Amino acid sequence: MIVRNCIAHNNGFLENFGKSRRLKSIAKSKSHIEIVGKSMSERINFTNRFCYSRIEFFIPMFRRLFDVLDFGPEYPTISDEK
């Protein structure tokens, strides 16, 4: 939640973010999150692997959701018919 709040409310910058020390601690303990920049330009950064891990998490969730709600085939077809 702290990471999300920093991004959503402070554009990822640590300057003027009340929990910047906690955020730095999180970044040190998570291999896919890092702090980049110096002084007033310090900000949170995610590696490509972090983004990929989130995609890996959400794809099965959406598949289950589509199955439960009966939204149609897993891989919908696109028709040119108008």
PDB file of N, CA and C in Angstrom:
ATOM      1  N   MET A   1       0.818  -1.190   0.000  1.00  0.00           N
ATOM      2  CA  MET A   1       0.000   0.000   0.000  1.00  0.00           C
ATOM      3  C   MET A   1       0.868   1.262   0.000  1.00  0.00           C
ATOM      4  N   ILE A   2       2.001   1.199   0.698  1.00  0.00           N
ATOM      5  CA  ILE A   2       2.896   2.359   0.736  1.00  0.00           C
ATOM      6  C   ILE A   2       3.444   2.645  -0.648  1.00  0.00           C
ATOM      7  N   VAL A   3       3.830   1.596  -1.368  1.00  0.00           N
ATOM      8  CA  VAL A   3       4.355   1.769  -2.726  1.00  0.00           C
ATOM      9  C   VAL A   3       3.275   2.380  -3.615  1.00  0.00           C
ATOM     10  N   ARG A   4       2.084   1.854  -3.532  1.00  0.00           N
ATOM     11  CA  ARG A   4       0.966   2.364  -4.329  1.00  0.00           C
ATOM     12  C   ARG A   4       0.691   3.828  -4.007  1.00  0.00           C
ATOM     13  N   ASN A   5       0.679   4.168  -2.734  1.00  0.00           N
ATOM     14  CA  ASN A   5       0.398   5.549  -2.338  1.00  0.00           C
ATOM     15  C   ASN A   5       1.460   6.515  -2.851  1.00  0.00           C
ATOM     16  N   CYS A   6       2.710   6.107  -2.816  1.00  0.00           N
ATOM     17  CA  CYS A   6       3.782   6.963  -3.315  1.00  0.00           C
ATOM     18  C   CYS A   6       3.606   7.226  -4.807  1.00  0.00           C
ATOM     19  N   ILE A   7       3.248   6.179  -5.541  1.00  0.00           N
ATOM     20  CA  ILE A   7       3.054   6.342  -6.991  1.00  0.00           C
ATOM     21  C   ILE A   7       1.810   7.164  -7.277  1.00  0.00           C
ATOM     22  N   ALA A   8       0.708   6.824  -6.639  1.00  0.00           N
ATOM     23  CA  ALA A   8      -0.565   7.479  -6.934  1.00  0.00           C
ATOM     24  C   ALA A   8      -0.627   8.927  -6.466  1.00  0.00           C
ATOM     25  N   HIS A   9      -0.022   9.218  -5.324  1.00  0.00           N
ATOM     26  CA  HIS A   9      -0.187  10.549  -4.745  1.00  0.00           C
ATOM     27  C   HIS A   9       1.041  11.448  -4.869  1.00  0.00           C
ATOM     28  N   ASN A  10       2.185  10.845  -5.242  1.00  0.00           N
ATOM     29  CA  ASN A  10       3.410  11.649  -5.304  1.00  0.00           C
ATOM     30  C   ASN A  10       4.208  11.361  -6.579  1.00  0.00           C
ATOM     31  N   ASN A  11       3.550  10.765  -7.565  1.00  0.00           N
ATOM     32  CA  ASN A  11       4.183  10.435  -8.850  1.00  0.00           C
ATOM     33  C   ASN A  11       5.457   9.613  -8.692  1.00  0.00           C
ATOM     34  N   GLY A  12       5.553   8.850  -7.617  1.00  0.00           N
ATOM     35  CA  GLY A  12       6.701   7.991  -7.395  1.00  0.00           C
ATOM     36  C   GLY A  12       7.896   8.678  -6.745  1.00  0.00           C
ATOM     37  N   PHE A  13       7.814   9.974  -6.520  1.00  0.00           N
ATOM     38  CA  PHE A  13       8.928  10.705  -5.914  1.00  0.00           C
ATOM     39  C   PHE A  13       8.883  10.580  -4.397  1.00  0.00           C
ATOM     40  N   LEU A  14      10.068  10.448  -3.785  1.00  0.00           N
ATOM     41  CA  LEU A  14      10.146  10.311  -2.332  1.00  0.00           C
ATOM     42  C   LEU A  14      10.111  11.658  -1.623  1.00  0.00           C
ATOM     43  N   GLU A  15      10.501  12.714  -2.302  1.00  0.00           N
ATOM     44  CA  GLU A  15      10.485  14.067  -1.726  1.00  0.00           C
ATOM     45  C   GLU A  15       9.067  14.405  -1.282  1.00  0.00           C
ATOM     46  N   ASN A  16       8.915  14.854  -0.061  1.00  0.00           N
ATOM     47  CA  ASN A  16       7.617  15.224   0.528  1.00  0.00           C
ATOM     48  C   ASN A  16       6.660  14.048   0.692  1.00  0.00           C
ATOM     49  N   PHE A  17       7.175  12.820   0.640  1.00  0.00           N
ATOM     50  CA  PHE A  17       6.345  11.642   0.901  1.00  0.00           C
ATOM     51  C   PHE A  17       6.602  11.215   2.329  1.00  0.00           C
ATOM     52  N   GLY A  18       5.583  11.204   3.148  1.00  0.00           N
ATOM     53  CA  GLY A  18       5.705  10.991   4.584  1.00  0.00           C
ATOM     54  C   GLY A  18       6.346   9.684   5.006  1.00  0.00           C
ATOM     55  N   LYS A  19       6.252   8.657   4.191  1.00  0.00           N
ATOM     56  CA  LYS A  19       6.776   7.348   4.575  1.00  0.00           C
ATOM     57  C   LYS A  19       7.944   6.938   3.681  1.00  0.00           C
ATOM     58  N   SER A  20       8.778   7.903   3.310  1.00  0.00           N
ATOM     59  CA  SER A  20       9.882   7.608   2.396  1.00  0.00           C
ATOM     60  C   SER A  20      10.897   6.643   3.008  1.00  0.00           C
ATOM     61  N   ARG A  21      11.134   6.710   4.311  1.00  0.00           N
ATOM     62  CA  ARG A  21      12.073   5.767   4.952  1.00  0.00           C
ATOM     63  C   ARG A  21      11.551   4.345   4.847  1.00  0.00           C
ATOM     64  N   ARG A  22      10.278   4.179   5.092  1.00  0.00           N
ATOM     65  CA  ARG A  22       9.660   2.843   4.981  1.00  0.00           C
ATOM     66  C   ARG A  22       9.736   2.348   3.540  1.00  0.00           C
ATOM     67  N   LEU A  23       9.512   3.234   2.598  1.00  0.00           N
ATOM     68  CA  LEU A  23       9.565   2.876   1.186  1.00  0.00           C
ATOM     69  C   LEU A  23      10.975   2.445   0.782  1.00  0.00           C
ATOM     70  N   LYS A  24      11.990   3.130   1.290  1.00  0.00           N
ATOM     71  CA  LYS A  24      13.381   2.741   1.018  1.00  0.00           C
ATOM     72  C   LYS A  24      13.668   1.356   1.581  1.00  0.00           C
ATOM     73  N   SER A  25      13.136   1.076   2.754  1.00  0.00           N
ATOM     74  CA  SER A  25      13.309  -0.233   3.367  1.00  0.00           C
ATOM     75  C   SER A  25      12.656  -1.322   2.515  1.00  0.00           C
ATOM     76  N   ILE A  26      11.475  -1.046   2.023  1.00  0.00           N
ATOM     77  CA  ILE A  26      10.780  -2.004   1.147  1.00  0.00           C
ATOM     78  C   ILE A  26      11.598  -2.246  -0.112  1.00  0.00           C
ATOM     79  N   ALA A  27      12.118  -1.179  -0.698  1.00  0.00           N
ATOM     80  CA  ALA A  27      12.902  -1.304  -1.927  1.00  0.00           C
ATOM     81  C   ALA A  27      14.161  -2.143  -1.704  1.00  0.00           C
ATOM     82  N   LYS A  28      14.758  -2.031  -0.526  1.00  0.00           N
ATOM     83  CA  LYS A  28      15.954  -2.833  -0.233  1.00  0.00           C
ATOM     84  C   LYS A  28      15.615  -4.310  -0.104  1.00  0.00           C
ATOM     85  N   SER A  29      14.415  -4.625   0.355  1.00  0.00           N
ATOM     86  CA  SER A  29      14.046  -6.018   0.590  1.00  0.00           C
ATOM     87  C   SER A  29      13.377  -6.682  -0.614  1.00  0.00           C
ATOM     88  N   LYS A  30      12.944  -5.919  -1.582  1.00  0.00           N
ATOM     89  CA  LYS A  30      12.281  -6.466  -2.772  1.00  0.00           C
ATOM     90  C   LYS A  30      13.231  -6.354  -3.962  1.00  0.00           C
ATOM     91  N   SER A  31      13.476  -7.459  -4.632  1.00  0.00           N
ATOM     92  CA  SER A  31      14.473  -7.447  -5.701  1.00  0.00           C
ATOM     93  C   SER A  31      14.007  -6.744  -6.971  1.00  0.00           C
ATOM     94  N   HIS A  32      12.720  -6.510  -7.128  1.00  0.00           N
ATOM     95  CA  HIS A  32      12.221  -5.908  -8.369  1.00  0.00           C
ATOM     96  C   HIS A  32      11.826  -4.442  -8.204  1.00  0.00           C
ATOM     97  N   ILE A  33      12.082  -3.877  -7.031  1.00  0.00           N
ATOM     98  CA  ILE A  33      11.770  -2.475  -6.760  1.00  0.00           C
ATOM     99  C   ILE A  33      13.062  -1.791  -6.332  1.00  0.00           C
ATOM    100  N   GLU A  34      13.321  -0.600  -6.862  1.00  0.00           N
ATOM    101  CA  GLU A  34      14.543   0.113  -6.492  1.00  0.00           C
ATOM    102  C   GLU A  34      14.271   1.612  -6.373  1.00  0.00           C
ATOM    103  N   ILE A  35      15.157   2.295  -5.694  1.00  0.00           N
ATOM    104  CA  ILE A  35      15.090   3.750  -5.588  1.00  0.00           C
ATOM    105  C   ILE A  35      16.186   4.307  -6.498  1.00  0.00           C
ATOM    106  N   VAL A  36      15.795   5.209  -7.393  1.00  0.00           N
ATOM    107  CA  VAL A  36      16.754   5.808  -8.322  1.00  0.00           C
ATOM    108  C   VAL A  36      16.756   7.320  -8.139  1.00  0.00           C
ATOM    109  N   GLY A  37      17.814   7.979  -8.587  1.00  0.00           N
ATOM    110  CA  GLY A  37      17.928   9.425  -8.478  1.00  0.00           C
ATOM    111  C   GLY A  37      18.591   9.829  -7.173  1.00  0.00           C
ATOM    112  N   LYS A  38      18.828  11.101  -7.033  1.00  0.00           N
ATOM    113  CA  LYS A  38      19.493  11.651  -5.854  1.00  0.00           C
ATOM    114  C   LYS A  38      18.683  12.799  -5.271  1.00  0.00           C
ATOM    115  N   SER A  39      18.772  12.954  -3.985  1.00  0.00           N
ATOM    116  CA  SER A  39      18.195  14.080  -3.262  1.00  0.00           C
ATOM    117  C   SER A  39      16.721  14.291  -3.605  1.00  0.00           C
ATOM    118  N   MET A  40      16.389  15.447  -4.158  1.00  0.00           N
ATOM    119  CA  MET A  40      14.984  15.782  -4.438  1.00  0.00           C
ATOM    120  C   MET A  40      14.401  14.992  -5.615  1.00  0.00           C
ATOM    121  N   SER A  41      15.252  14.361  -6.414  1.00  0.00           N
ATOM    122  CA  SER A  41      14.740  13.617  -7.562  1.00  0.00           C
ATOM    123  C   SER A  41      14.671  12.105  -7.308  1.00  0.00           C
ATOM    124  N   GLU A  42      14.856  11.690  -6.045  1.00  0.00           N
ATOM    125  CA  GLU A  42      14.718  10.267  -5.718  1.00  0.00           C
ATOM    126  C   GLU A  42      13.302   9.808  -6.009  1.00  0.00           C
ATOM    127  N   ARG A  43      13.207   8.647  -6.662  1.00  0.00           N
ATOM    128  CA  ARG A  43      11.883   8.109  -6.958  1.00  0.00           C
ATOM    129  C   ARG A  43      11.936   6.593  -6.996  1.00  0.00           C
ATOM    130  N   ILE A  44      10.775   5.994  -6.928  1.00  0.00           N
ATOM    131  CA  ILE A  44      10.677   4.539  -6.957  1.00  0.00           C
ATOM    132  C   ILE A  44      10.690   4.090  -8.416  1.00  0.00           C
ATOM    133  N   ASN A  45      11.328   2.946  -8.651  1.00  0.00           N
ATOM    134  CA  ASN A  45      11.418   2.400 -10.001  1.00  0.00           C
ATOM    135  C   ASN A  45      11.180   0.896  -9.926  1.00  0.00           C
ATOM    136  N   PHE A  46      10.488   0.369 -10.919  1.00  0.00           N
ATOM    137  CA  PHE A  46      10.228  -1.063 -11.009  1.00  0.00           C
ATOM    138  C   PHE A  46      10.999  -1.638 -12.175  1.00  0.00           C
ATOM    139  N   THR A  47      11.532  -2.816 -11.983  1.00  0.00           N
ATOM    140  CA  THR A  47      12.211  -3.487 -13.079  1.00  0.00           C
ATOM    141  C   THR A  47      11.166  -4.152 -13.982  1.00  0.00           C
ATOM    142  N   ASN A  48      11.592  -4.551 -15.154  1.00  0.00           N
ATOM    143  CA  ASN A  48      10.690  -5.266 -16.067  1.00  0.00           C
ATOM    144  C   ASN A  48      10.160  -6.535 -15.422  1.00  0.00           C
ATOM    145  N   ARG A  49      10.977  -7.180 -14.618  1.00  0.00           N
ATOM    146  CA  ARG A  49      10.559  -8.421 -13.970  1.00  0.00           C
ATOM    147  C   ARG A  49       9.381  -8.184 -13.024  1.00  0.00           C
ATOM    148  N   PHE A  50       9.342  -7.037 -12.363  1.00  0.00           N
ATOM    149  CA  PHE A  50       8.218  -6.732 -11.485  1.00  0.00           C
ATOM    150  C   PHE A  50       6.925  -6.666 -12.292  1.00  0.00           C
ATOM    151  N   CYS A  51       6.957  -5.946 -13.406  1.00  0.00           N
ATOM    152  CA  CYS A  51       5.767  -5.820 -14.255  1.00  0.00           C
ATOM    153  C   CYS A  51       5.326  -7.188 -14.764  1.00  0.00           C
ATOM    154  N   TYR A  52       6.282  -8.002 -15.180  1.00  0.00           N
ATOM    155  CA  TYR A  52       5.967  -9.336 -15.673  1.00  0.00           C
ATOM    156  C   TYR A  52       5.351 -10.197 -14.567  1.00  0.00           C
ATOM    157  N   SER A  53       5.848 -10.073 -13.350  1.00  0.00           N
ATOM    158  CA  SER A  53       5.297 -10.863 -12.241  1.00  0.00           C
ATOM    159  C   SER A  53       3.853 -10.476 -11.957  1.00  0.00           C
ATOM    160  N   ARG A  54       3.514  -9.218 -12.119  1.00  0.00           N
ATOM    161  CA  ARG A  54       2.129  -8.782 -11.916  1.00  0.00           C
ATOM    162  C   ARG A  54       1.231  -9.348 -13.018  1.00  0.00           C
ATOM    163  N   ILE A  55       1.715  -9.372 -14.244  1.00  0.00           N
ATOM    164  CA  ILE A  55       0.945  -9.951 -15.347  1.00  0.00           C
ATOM    165  C   ILE A  55       0.707 -11.434 -15.077  1.00  0.00           C
ATOM    166  N   GLU A  56       1.751 -12.126 -14.616  1.00  0.00           N
ATOM    167  CA  GLU A  56       1.610 -13.549 -14.295  1.00  0.00           C
ATOM    168  C   GLU A  56       0.565 -13.773 -13.204  1.00  0.00           C
ATOM    169  N   PHE A  57       0.428 -12.834 -12.306  1.00  0.00           N
ATOM    170  CA  PHE A  57      -0.571 -12.928 -11.235  1.00  0.00           C
ATOM    171  C   PHE A  57      -1.989 -12.695 -11.767  1.00  0.00           C
ATOM    172  N   PHE A  58      -2.160 -11.678 -12.615  1.00  0.00           N
ATOM    173  CA  PHE A  58      -3.503 -11.283 -13.034  1.00  0.00           C
ATOM    174  C   PHE A  58      -4.115 -12.155 -14.125  1.00  0.00           C
ATOM    175  N   ILE A  59      -3.331 -12.740 -14.996  1.00  0.00           N
ATOM    176  CA  ILE A  59      -3.898 -13.554 -16.076  1.00  0.00           C
ATOM    177  C   ILE A  59      -4.745 -14.709 -15.531  1.00  0.00           C
ATOM    178  N   PRO A  60      -4.225 -15.530 -14.624  1.00  0.00           N
ATOM    179  CA  PRO A  60      -5.078 -16.611 -14.099  1.00  0.00           C
ATOM    180  C   PRO A  60      -6.317 -16.081 -13.358  1.00  0.00           C
ATOM    181  N   MET A  61      -6.164 -14.945 -12.680  1.00  0.00           N
ATOM    182  CA  MET A  61      -7.300 -14.375 -11.966  1.00  0.00           C
ATOM    183  C   MET A  61      -8.417 -14.007 -12.953  1.00  0.00           C
ATOM    184  N   PHE A  62      -8.049 -13.357 -14.053  1.00  0.00           N
ATOM    185  CA  PHE A  62      -9.056 -12.980 -15.045  1.00  0.00           C
ATOM    186  C   PHE A  62      -9.645 -14.206 -15.735  1.00  0.00           C
ATOM    187  N   ARG A  63      -8.844 -15.231 -15.949  1.00  0.00           N
ATOM    188  CA  ARG A  63      -9.385 -16.463 -16.552  1.00  0.00           C
ATOM    189  C   ARG A  63     -10.447 -17.067 -15.639  1.00  0.00           C
ATOM    190  N   ARG A  64     -10.151 -17.134 -14.343  1.00  0.00           N
ATOM    191  CA  ARG A  64     -11.141 -17.672 -13.397  1.00  0.00           C
ATOM    192  C   ARG A  64     -12.395 -16.806 -13.372  1.00  0.00           C
ATOM    193  N   LEU A  65     -12.210 -15.503 -13.374  1.00  0.00           N
ATOM    194  CA  LEU A  65     -13.336 -14.578 -13.357  1.00  0.00           C
ATOM    195  C   LEU A  65     -14.210 -14.757 -14.599  1.00  0.00           C
ATOM    196  N   PHE A  66     -13.598 -14.863 -15.768  1.00  0.00           N
ATOM    197  CA  PHE A  66     -14.353 -15.049 -17.005  1.00  0.00           C
ATOM    198  C   PHE A  66     -15.101 -16.374 -16.987  1.00  0.00           C
ATOM    199  N   ASP A  67     -14.467 -17.435 -16.443  1.00  0.00           N
ATOM    200  CA  ASP A  67     -15.138 -18.732 -16.360  1.00  0.00           C
ATOM    201  C   ASP A  67     -16.351 -18.666 -15.445  1.00  0.00           C
ATOM    202  N   VAL A  68     -16.182 -18.088 -14.272  1.00  0.00           N
ATOM    203  CA  VAL A  68     -17.268 -18.015 -13.294  1.00  0.00           C
ATOM    204  C   VAL A  68     -18.426 -17.174 -13.819  1.00  0.00           C
ATOM    205  N   LEU A  69     -18.123 -16.088 -14.494  1.00  0.00           N
ATOM    206  CA  LEU A  69     -19.163 -15.185 -15.002  1.00  0.00           C
ATOM    207  C   LEU A  69     -19.648 -15.571 -16.389  1.00  0.00           C
ATOM    208  N   ASP A  70     -19.089 -16.622 -16.952  1.00  0.00           N
ATOM    209  CA  ASP A  70     -19.475 -17.131 -18.266  1.00  0.00           C
ATOM    210  C   ASP A  70     -19.441 -16.025 -19.331  1.00  0.00           C
ATOM    211  N   PHE A  71     -18.283 -15.368 -19.422  1.00  0.00           N
ATOM    212  CA  PHE A  71     -18.111 -14.281 -20.388  1.00  0.00           C
ATOM    213  C   PHE A  71     -17.852 -14.760 -21.802  1.00  0.00           C
ATOM    214  N   GLY A  72     -17.742 -16.032 -22.021  1.00  0.00           N
ATOM    215  CA  GLY A  72     -17.503 -16.520 -23.377  1.00  0.00           C
ATOM    216  C   GLY A  72     -16.198 -17.283 -23.464  1.00  0.00           C
ATOM    217  N   PRO A  73     -15.746 -17.516 -24.687  1.00  0.00           N
ATOM    218  CA  PRO A  73     -14.536 -18.323 -24.858  1.00  0.00           C
ATOM    219  C   PRO A  73     -13.311 -17.639 -24.261  1.00  0.00           C
ATOM    220  N   GLU A  74     -12.345 -18.476 -23.862  1.00  0.00           N
ATOM    221  CA  GLU A  74     -11.122 -17.936 -23.264  1.00  0.00           C
ATOM    222  C   GLU A  74     -10.391 -17.030 -24.238  1.00  0.00           C
ATOM    223  N   TYR A  75     -10.379 -17.406 -25.505  1.00  0.00           N
ATOM    224  CA  TYR A  75      -9.747 -16.593 -26.537  1.00  0.00           C
ATOM    225  C   TYR A  75     -10.828 -16.177 -27.525  1.00  0.00           C
ATOM    226  N   PRO A  76     -11.442 -15.016 -27.332  1.00  0.00           N
ATOM    227  CA  PRO A  76     -12.550 -14.604 -28.195  1.00  0.00           C
ATOM    228  C   PRO A  76     -12.104 -14.419 -29.641  1.00  0.00           C
ATOM    229  N   THR A  77     -13.034 -14.655 -30.534  1.00  0.00           N
ATOM    230  CA  THR A  77     -12.750 -14.427 -31.954  1.00  0.00           C
ATOM    231  C   THR A  77     -13.266 -13.065 -32.353  1.00  0.00           C
ATOM    232  N   ILE A  78     -12.589 -12.447 -33.300  1.00  0.00           N
ATOM    233  CA  ILE A  78     -12.987 -11.133 -33.786  1.00  0.00           C
ATOM    234  C   ILE A  78     -13.521 -11.302 -35.182  1.00  0.00           C
ATOM    235  N   SER A  79     -14.693 -10.792 -35.389  1.00  0.00           N
ATOM    236  CA  SER A  79     -15.354 -10.928 -36.687  1.00  0.00           C
ATOM    237  C   SER A  79     -15.344  -9.573 -37.410  1.00  0.00           C
ATOM    238  N   ASP A  80     -15.231  -9.639 -38.742  1.00  0.00           N
ATOM    239  CA  ASP A  80     -15.273  -8.429 -39.553  1.00  0.00           C
ATOM    240  C   ASP A  80     -16.699  -8.036 -39.935  1.00  0.00           C
ATOM    241  N   GLU A  81     -17.653  -8.848 -39.529  1.00  0.00           N
ATOM    242  CA  GLU A  81     -19.051  -8.565 -39.872  1.00  0.00           C
ATOM    243  C   GLU A  81     -19.535  -7.302 -39.214  1.00  0.00           C
ATOM    244  N   LYS A  82     -20.340  -6.540 -39.960  1.00  0.00           N
ATOM    245  CA  LYS A  82     -20.894  -5.303 -39.401  1.00  0.00           C
ATOM    246  C   LYS A  82     -22.386  -5.325 -39.415  1.00  0.00           C
TER     247      LYS A  82
END
